[in-house]
């Protein structure tokens, strides 16, 4: 009986190891298209683009003058809540 249990445990460990290796392979294969040649992922590129757009909007809002009034209206509403 003990010999049989050892075979079952060995088989289970082998299957678990193969599953982990296959899972890692699939994840790496799926993540590969999200990287360009320099190694930056699409998420990083979109994040930096979002920061650039945010900076442009802040500068534009300060130039046109609507950003300070917009900020004042938000903080004024927050002051009314407390």
PDB file of N, CA and C in Angstrom:
ATOM      1  N   UNK A   1       0.825  -1.198   0.000  1.00  0.00           N
ATOM      2  CA  UNK A   1       0.000   0.000   0.000  1.00  0.00           C
ATOM      3  C   UNK A   1       0.869   1.263   0.000  1.00  0.00           C
ATOM      4  N   UNK A   2       1.955   1.213   0.782  1.00  0.00           N
ATOM      5  CA  UNK A   2       2.831   2.373   0.862  1.00  0.00           C
ATOM      6  C   UNK A   2       3.497   2.636  -0.484  1.00  0.00           C
ATOM      7  N   UNK A   3       3.843   1.571  -1.179  1.00  0.00           N
ATOM      8  CA  UNK A   3       4.465   1.708  -2.488  1.00  0.00           C
ATOM      9  C   UNK A   3       3.502   2.366  -3.478  1.00  0.00           C
ATOM     10  N   UNK A   4       2.242   1.962  -3.412  1.00  0.00           N
ATOM     11  CA  UNK A   4       1.217   2.543  -4.276  1.00  0.00           C
ATOM     12  C   UNK A   4       1.041   4.034  -3.979  1.00  0.00           C
ATOM     13  N   UNK A   5       1.028   4.388  -2.688  1.00  0.00           N
ATOM     14  CA  UNK A   5       0.873   5.793  -2.307  1.00  0.00           C
ATOM     15  C   UNK A   5       2.062   6.628  -2.793  1.00  0.00           C
ATOM     16  N   UNK A   6       3.258   6.059  -2.726  1.00  0.00           N
ATOM     17  CA  UNK A   6       4.436   6.772  -3.225  1.00  0.00           C
ATOM     18  C   UNK A   6       4.328   7.022  -4.724  1.00  0.00           C
ATOM     19  N   UNK A   7       3.801   6.040  -5.462  1.00  0.00           N
ATOM     20  CA  UNK A   7       3.622   6.218  -6.906  1.00  0.00           C
ATOM     21  C   UNK A   7       2.604   7.313  -7.192  1.00  0.00           C
ATOM     22  N   UNK A   8       1.524   7.333  -6.419  1.00  0.00           N
ATOM     23  CA  UNK A   8       0.483   8.351  -6.611  1.00  0.00           C
ATOM     24  C   UNK A   8       1.043   9.740  -6.309  1.00  0.00           C
ATOM     25  N   UNK A   9       1.786   9.866  -5.225  1.00  0.00           N
ATOM     26  CA  UNK A   9       2.359  11.160  -4.851  1.00  0.00           C
ATOM     27  C   UNK A   9       3.363  11.613  -5.904  1.00  0.00           C
ATOM     28  N   UNK A  10       4.197  10.698  -6.383  1.00  0.00           N
ATOM     29  CA  UNK A  10       5.171  11.033  -7.422  1.00  0.00           C
ATOM     30  C   UNK A  10       4.467  11.471  -8.696  1.00  0.00           C
ATOM     31  N   UNK A  11       3.405  10.767  -9.078  1.00  0.00           N
ATOM     32  CA  UNK A  11       2.642  11.124 -10.272  1.00  0.00           C
ATOM     33  C   UNK A  11       2.013  12.505 -10.109  1.00  0.00           C
ATOM     34  N   UNK A  12       1.433  12.750  -8.922  1.00  0.00           N
ATOM     35  CA  UNK A  12       0.785  14.041  -8.664  1.00  0.00           C
ATOM     36  C   UNK A  12       1.797  15.185  -8.740  1.00  0.00           C
ATOM     37  N   UNK A  13       2.965  14.992  -8.170  1.00  0.00           N
ATOM     38  CA  UNK A  13       3.997  16.034  -8.215  1.00  0.00           C
ATOM     39  C   UNK A  13       4.462  16.284  -9.645  1.00  0.00           C
ATOM     40  N   UNK A  14       4.583  15.230 -10.434  1.00  0.00           N
ATOM     41  CA  UNK A  14       4.979  15.381 -11.835  1.00  0.00           C
ATOM     42  C   UNK A  14       3.946  16.143 -12.637  1.00  0.00           C
ATOM     43  N   UNK A  15       2.672  15.831 -12.400  1.00  0.00           N
ATOM     44  CA  UNK A  15       1.591  16.524 -13.106  1.00  0.00           C
ATOM     45  C   UNK A  15       1.558  17.996 -12.697  1.00  0.00           C
ATOM     46  N   UNK A  16       1.733  18.269 -11.416  1.00  0.00           N
ATOM     47  CA  UNK A  16       1.720  19.658 -10.948  1.00  0.00           C
ATOM     48  C   UNK A  16       2.878  20.444 -11.561  1.00  0.00           C
ATOM     49  N   UNK A  17       4.043  19.811 -11.648  1.00  0.00           N
ATOM     50  CA  UNK A  17       5.202  20.487 -12.229  1.00  0.00           C
ATOM     51  C   UNK A  17       4.981  20.781 -13.707  1.00  0.00           C
ATOM     52  N   UNK A  18       4.417  19.829 -14.434  1.00  0.00           N
ATOM     53  CA  UNK A  18       4.132  20.040 -15.856  1.00  0.00           C
ATOM     54  C   UNK A  18       3.102  21.144 -16.038  1.00  0.00           C
ATOM     55  N   UNK A  19       2.105  21.187 -15.156  1.00  0.00           N
ATOM     56  CA  UNK A  19       1.078  22.220 -15.244  1.00  0.00           C
ATOM     57  C   UNK A  19       1.679  23.604 -15.031  1.00  0.00           C
ATOM     58  N   UNK A  20       2.582  23.728 -14.069  1.00  0.00           N
ATOM     59  CA  UNK A  20       3.222  25.018 -13.803  1.00  0.00           C
ATOM     60  C   UNK A  20       4.052  25.453 -15.002  1.00  0.00           C
ATOM     61  N   UNK A  21       4.808  24.530 -15.569  1.00  0.00           N
ATOM     62  CA  UNK A  21       5.650  24.862 -16.723  1.00  0.00           C
ATOM     63  C   UNK A  21       4.792  25.282 -17.903  1.00  0.00           C
ATOM     64  N   UNK A  22       3.713  24.558 -18.149  1.00  0.00           N
ATOM     65  CA  UNK A  22       2.826  24.910 -19.265  1.00  0.00           C
ATOM     66  C   UNK A  22       2.145  26.247 -19.031  1.00  0.00           C
ATOM     67  N   UNK A  23       1.731  26.508 -17.806  1.00  0.00           N
ATOM     68  CA  UNK A  23       1.089  27.788 -17.495  1.00  0.00           C
ATOM     69  C   UNK A  23       2.059  28.943 -17.716  1.00  0.00           C
ATOM     70  N   UNK A  24       3.300  28.785 -17.249  1.00  0.00           N
ATOM     71  CA  UNK A  24       4.299  29.833 -17.466  1.00  0.00           C
ATOM     72  C   UNK A  24       4.549  30.056 -18.950  1.00  0.00           C
ATOM     73  N   UNK A  25       4.594  28.977 -19.714  1.00  0.00           N
ATOM     74  CA  UNK A  25       4.825  29.091 -21.153  1.00  0.00           C
ATOM     75  C   UNK A  25       3.689  29.848 -21.825  1.00  0.00           C
ATOM     76  N   UNK A  26       2.461  29.529 -21.458  1.00  0.00           N
ATOM     77  CA  UNK A  26       1.304  30.198 -22.062  1.00  0.00           C
ATOM     78  C   UNK A  26       1.292  31.679 -21.698  1.00  0.00           C
ATOM     79  N   UNK A  27       1.574  31.997 -20.448  1.00  0.00           N
ATOM     80  CA  UNK A  27       1.568  33.403 -20.020  1.00  0.00           C
ATOM     81  C   UNK A  27       2.652  34.186 -20.749  1.00  0.00           C
ATOM     82  N   UNK A  28       3.839  33.605 -20.861  1.00  0.00           N
ATOM     83  CA  UNK A  28       4.914  34.294 -21.576  1.00  0.00           C
ATOM     84  C   UNK A  28       4.588  34.451 -23.053  1.00  0.00           C
ATOM     85  N   UNK A  29       3.960  33.458 -23.634  1.00  0.00           N
ATOM     86  CA  UNK A  29       3.596  33.531 -25.046  1.00  0.00           C
ATOM     87  C   UNK A  29       2.522  34.598 -25.274  1.00  0.00           C
ATOM     88  N   UNK A  30       1.593  34.740 -24.331  1.00  0.00           N
ATOM     89  CA  UNK A  30       0.551  35.757 -24.469  1.00  0.00           C
ATOM     90  C   UNK A  30       1.098  37.160 -24.217  1.00  0.00           C
ATOM     91  N   UNK A  31       2.105  37.288 -23.364  1.00  0.00           N
ATOM     92  CA  UNK A  31       2.658  38.609 -23.042  1.00  0.00           C
ATOM     93  C   UNK A  31       3.641  39.093 -24.093  1.00  0.00           C
ATOM     94  N   UNK A  32       4.167  38.214 -24.903  1.00  0.00           N
ATOM     95  CA  UNK A  32       5.182  38.596 -25.891  1.00  0.00           C
ATOM     96  C   UNK A  32       4.693  39.660 -26.879  1.00  0.00           C
ATOM     97  N   UNK A  33       3.470  39.590 -27.413  1.00  0.00           N
ATOM     98  CA  UNK A  33       3.042  40.644 -28.354  1.00  0.00           C
ATOM     99  C   UNK A  33       2.871  42.014 -27.705  1.00  0.00           C
ATOM    100  N   UNK A  34       2.785  42.067 -26.390  1.00  0.00           N
ATOM    101  CA  UNK A  34       2.615  43.347 -25.712  1.00  0.00           C
ATOM    102  C   UNK A  34       3.928  44.086 -25.516  1.00  0.00           C
ATOM    103  N   UNK A  35       5.031  43.542 -26.016  1.00  0.00           N
ATOM    104  CA  UNK A  35       6.320  44.203 -25.888  1.00  0.00           C
ATOM    105  C   UNK A  35       6.876  44.518 -27.265  1.00  0.00           C
ATOM    106  N   UNK A  36       7.485  45.706 -27.379  1.00  0.00           N
ATOM    107  CA  UNK A  36       8.148  46.035 -28.631  1.00  0.00           C
ATOM    108  C   UNK A  36       9.613  45.621 -28.549  1.00  0.00           C
ATOM    109  N   UNK A  37      10.413  45.983 -29.522  1.00  0.00           N
ATOM    110  CA  UNK A  37      11.797  45.523 -29.571  1.00  0.00           C
ATOM    111  C   UNK A  37      12.634  46.068 -28.407  1.00  0.00           C
ATOM    112  N   UNK A  38      12.318  47.238 -27.913  1.00  0.00           N
ATOM    113  CA  UNK A  38      13.088  47.815 -26.823  1.00  0.00           C
ATOM    114  C   UNK A  38      12.641  47.278 -25.470  1.00  0.00           C
ATOM    115  N   UNK A  39      11.553  46.557 -25.411  1.00  0.00           N
ATOM    116  CA  UNK A  39      11.105  45.947 -24.172  1.00  0.00           C
ATOM    117  C   UNK A  39      10.020  46.712 -23.439  1.00  0.00           C
ATOM    118  N   UNK A  40       9.619  47.882 -23.930  1.00  0.00           N
ATOM    119  CA  UNK A  40       8.545  48.628 -23.284  1.00  0.00           C
ATOM    120  C   UNK A  40       7.212  47.993 -23.654  1.00  0.00           C
ATOM    121  N   UNK A  41       6.370  47.808 -22.671  1.00  0.00           N
ATOM    122  CA  UNK A  41       5.088  47.180 -22.949  1.00  0.00           C
ATOM    123  C   UNK A  41       4.079  48.230 -23.412  1.00  0.00           C
ATOM    124  N   UNK A  42       3.003  47.762 -23.983  1.00  0.00           N
ATOM    125  CA  UNK A  42       1.929  48.646 -24.451  1.00  0.00           C
ATOM    126  C   UNK A  42       1.365  49.445 -23.280  1.00  0.00           C
ATOM    127  N   UNK A  43       1.269  48.824 -22.114  1.00  0.00           N
ATOM    128  CA  UNK A  43       0.726  49.505 -20.941  1.00  0.00           C
ATOM    129  C   UNK A  43       1.617  50.684 -20.547  1.00  0.00           C
ATOM    130  N   UNK A  44       2.932  50.497 -20.589  1.00  0.00           N
ATOM    131  CA  UNK A  44       3.838  51.602 -20.273  1.00  0.00           C
ATOM    132  C   UNK A  44       3.700  52.732 -21.273  1.00  0.00           C
ATOM    133  N   UNK A  45       3.619  52.391 -22.546  1.00  0.00           N
ATOM    134  CA  UNK A  45       3.492  53.404 -23.592  1.00  0.00           C
ATOM    135  C   UNK A  45       2.201  54.188 -23.416  1.00  0.00           C
ATOM    136  N   UNK A  46       1.092  53.490 -23.161  1.00  0.00           N
ATOM    137  CA  UNK A  46      -0.188  54.172 -22.957  1.00  0.00           C
ATOM    138  C   UNK A  46      -0.167  55.011 -21.679  1.00  0.00           C
ATOM    139  N   UNK A  47       0.524  54.549 -20.652  1.00  0.00           N
ATOM    140  CA  UNK A  47       0.629  55.322 -19.414  1.00  0.00           C
ATOM    141  C   UNK A  47       1.366  56.634 -19.623  1.00  0.00           C
ATOM    142  N   UNK A  48       2.487  56.578 -20.334  1.00  0.00           N
ATOM    143  CA  UNK A  48       3.230  57.811 -20.618  1.00  0.00           C
ATOM    144  C   UNK A  48       2.433  58.738 -21.535  1.00  0.00           C
ATOM    145  N   UNK A  49       1.690  58.182 -22.474  1.00  0.00           N
ATOM    146  CA  UNK A  49       0.849  59.010 -23.340  1.00  0.00           C
ATOM    147  C   UNK A  49      -0.241  59.696 -22.520  1.00  0.00           C
ATOM    148  N   UNK A  50      -0.810  58.974 -21.564  1.00  0.00           N
ATOM    149  CA  UNK A  50      -1.833  59.561 -20.699  1.00  0.00           C
ATOM    150  C   UNK A  50      -1.251  60.694 -19.855  1.00  0.00           C
ATOM    151  N   UNK A  51      -0.044  60.514 -19.342  1.00  0.00           N
ATOM    152  CA  UNK A  51       0.599  61.589 -18.580  1.00  0.00           C
ATOM    153  C   UNK A  51       0.877  62.806 -19.452  1.00  0.00           C
ATOM    154  N   UNK A  52       1.272  62.585 -20.703  1.00  0.00           N
ATOM    155  CA  UNK A  52       1.518  63.703 -21.617  1.00  0.00           C
ATOM    156  C   UNK A  52       0.228  64.464 -21.895  1.00  0.00           C
ATOM    157  N   UNK A  53      -0.859  63.745 -22.125  1.00  0.00           N
ATOM    158  CA  UNK A  53      -2.156  64.394 -22.371  1.00  0.00           C
ATOM    159  C   UNK A  53      -2.600  65.166 -21.137  1.00  0.00           C
ATOM    160  N   UNK A  54      -2.403  64.595 -19.959  1.00  0.00           N
ATOM    161  CA  UNK A  54      -2.765  65.284 -18.725  1.00  0.00           C
ATOM    162  C   UNK A  54      -1.970  66.576 -18.561  1.00  0.00           C
ATOM    163  N   UNK A  55      -0.686  66.532 -18.867  1.00  0.00           N
ATOM    164  CA  UNK A  55       0.139  67.741 -18.776  1.00  0.00           C
ATOM    165  C   UNK A  55      -0.341  68.802 -19.757  1.00  0.00           C
ATOM    166  N   UNK A  56      -0.684  68.394 -20.969  1.00  0.00           N
ATOM    167  CA  UNK A  56      -1.184  69.348 -21.969  1.00  0.00           C
ATOM    168  C   UNK A  56      -2.486  69.977 -21.504  1.00  0.00           C
ATOM    169  N   UNK A  57      -3.386  69.179 -20.938  1.00  0.00           N
ATOM    170  CA  UNK A  57      -4.674  69.706 -20.461  1.00  0.00           C
ATOM    171  C   UNK A  57      -4.460  70.678 -19.305  1.00  0.00           C
ATOM    172  N   UNK A  58      -3.544  70.367 -18.397  1.00  0.00           N
ATOM    173  CA  UNK A  58      -3.278  71.272 -17.271  1.00  0.00           C
ATOM    174  C   UNK A  58      -2.711  72.597 -17.771  1.00  0.00           C
ATOM    175  N   UNK A  59      -1.762  72.549 -18.674  1.00  0.00           N
ATOM    176  CA  UNK A  59      -1.183  73.786 -19.218  1.00  0.00           C
ATOM    177  C   UNK A  59      -2.240  74.578 -19.970  1.00  0.00           C
ATOM    178  N   UNK A  60      -3.040  73.907 -20.782  1.00  0.00           N
ATOM    179  CA  UNK A  60      -4.098  74.582 -21.536  1.00  0.00           C
ATOM    180  C   UNK A  60      -5.121  75.210 -20.590  1.00  0.00           C
ATOM    181  N   UNK A  61      -5.476  74.488 -19.534  1.00  0.00           N
ATOM    182  CA  UNK A  61      -6.429  75.029 -18.561  1.00  0.00           C
ATOM    183  C   UNK A  61      -5.889  76.242 -17.838  1.00  0.00           C
ATOM    184  N   UNK A  62      -4.601  76.233 -17.530  1.00  0.00           N
ATOM    185  CA  UNK A  62      -4.010  77.404 -16.878  1.00  0.00           C
ATOM    186  C   UNK A  62      -3.936  78.590 -17.826  1.00  0.00           C
ATOM    187  N   UNK A  63      -3.635  78.341 -19.094  1.00  0.00           N
ATOM    188  CA  UNK A  63      -3.558  79.429 -20.077  1.00  0.00           C
ATOM    189  C   UNK A  63      -4.935  80.041 -20.303  1.00  0.00           C
ATOM    190  N   UNK A  64      -5.943  79.217 -20.485  1.00  0.00           N
ATOM    191  CA  UNK A  64      -7.292  79.718 -20.760  1.00  0.00           C
ATOM    192  C   UNK A  64      -8.006  80.222 -19.509  1.00  0.00           C
ATOM    193  N   UNK A  65      -7.558  79.792 -18.331  1.00  0.00           N
ATOM    194  CA  UNK A  65      -8.133  80.303 -17.097  1.00  0.00           C
ATOM    195  C   UNK A  65      -9.278  79.498 -16.525  1.00  0.00           C
ATOM    196  N   UNK A  66      -9.688  78.430 -17.148  1.00  0.00           N
ATOM    197  CA  UNK A  66     -10.815  77.676 -16.617  1.00  0.00           C
ATOM    198  C   UNK A  66     -10.395  76.680 -15.545  1.00  0.00           C
ATOM    199  N   UNK A  67      -9.128  76.307 -15.489  1.00  0.00           N
ATOM    200  CA  UNK A  67      -8.683  75.311 -14.513  1.00  0.00           C
ATOM    201  C   UNK A  67      -8.764  75.821 -13.069  1.00  0.00           C
ATOM    202  N   UNK A  68      -8.327  77.046 -12.762  1.00  0.00           N
ATOM    203  CA  UNK A  68      -8.451  77.512 -11.370  1.00  0.00           C
ATOM    204  C   UNK A  68      -9.903  77.593 -10.897  1.00  0.00           C
ATOM    205  N   UNK A  69     -10.796  78.059 -11.778  1.00  0.00           N
ATOM    206  CA  UNK A  69     -12.204  78.127 -11.367  1.00  0.00           C
ATOM    207  C   UNK A  69     -12.794  76.731 -11.208  1.00  0.00           C
ATOM    208  N   UNK A  70     -12.388  75.805 -12.058  1.00  0.00           N
ATOM    209  CA  UNK A  70     -12.849  74.423 -11.947  1.00  0.00           C
ATOM    210  C   UNK A  70     -12.368  73.815 -10.632  1.00  0.00           C
ATOM    211  N   UNK A  71     -11.099  74.048 -10.294  1.00  0.00           N
ATOM    212  CA  UNK A  71     -10.541  73.534  -9.044  1.00  0.00           C
ATOM    213  C   UNK A  71     -11.240  74.166  -7.840  1.00  0.00           C
ATOM    214  N   UNK A  72     -11.540  75.448  -7.932  1.00  0.00           N
ATOM    215  CA  UNK A  72     -12.222  76.143  -6.840  1.00  0.00           C
ATOM    216  C   UNK A  72     -13.632  75.596  -6.640  1.00  0.00           C
ATOM    217  N   UNK A  73     -14.308  75.273  -7.728  1.00  0.00           N
ATOM    218  CA  UNK A  73     -15.658  74.724  -7.589  1.00  0.00           C
ATOM    219  C   UNK A  73     -15.625  73.341  -6.934  1.00  0.00           C
ATOM    220  N   UNK A  74     -14.604  72.541  -7.253  1.00  0.00           N
ATOM    221  CA  UNK A  74     -14.484  71.216  -6.632  1.00  0.00           C
ATOM    222  C   UNK A  74     -14.187  71.349  -5.143  1.00  0.00           C
ATOM    223  N   UNK A  75     -13.208  72.173  -4.790  1.00  0.00           N
ATOM    224  CA  UNK A  75     -12.855  72.312  -3.375  1.00  0.00           C
ATOM    225  C   UNK A  75     -13.958  73.014  -2.598  1.00  0.00           C
ATOM    226  N   UNK A  76     -14.697  73.898  -3.248  1.00  0.00           N
ATOM    227  CA  UNK A  76     -15.827  74.541  -2.585  1.00  0.00           C
ATOM    228  C   UNK A  76     -16.914  73.541  -2.243  1.00  0.00           C
ATOM    229  N   UNK A  77     -17.173  72.612  -3.152  1.00  0.00           N
ATOM    230  CA  UNK A  77     -18.163  71.567  -2.879  1.00  0.00           C
ATOM    231  C   UNK A  77     -17.690  70.648  -1.764  1.00  0.00           C
ATOM    232  N   UNK A  78     -16.389  70.371  -1.715  1.00  0.00           N
ATOM    233  CA  UNK A  78     -15.854  69.532  -0.641  1.00  0.00           C
ATOM    234  C   UNK A  78     -15.937  70.238   0.704  1.00  0.00           C
ATOM    235  N   UNK A  79     -15.730  71.560   0.710  1.00  0.00           N
ATOM    236  CA  UNK A  79     -15.841  72.315   1.960  1.00  0.00           C
ATOM    237  C   UNK A  79     -17.275  72.308   2.468  1.00  0.00           C
ATOM    238  N   UNK A  80     -18.242  72.329   1.556  1.00  0.00           N
ATOM    239  CA  UNK A  80     -19.647  72.307   1.961  1.00  0.00           C
ATOM    240  C   UNK A  80     -20.041  70.961   2.559  1.00  0.00           C
ATOM    241  N   UNK A  81     -19.347  69.893   2.177  1.00  0.00           N
ATOM    242  CA  UNK A  81     -19.671  68.574   2.712  1.00  0.00           C
ATOM    243  C   UNK A  81     -19.249  68.421   4.170  1.00  0.00           C
ATOM    244  N   UNK A  82     -18.182  69.097   4.557  1.00  0.00           N
ATOM    245  CA  UNK A  82     -17.684  68.906   5.929  1.00  0.00           C
ATOM    246  C   UNK A  82     -18.322  69.851   6.917  1.00  0.00           C
TER     247      UNK A  82
END
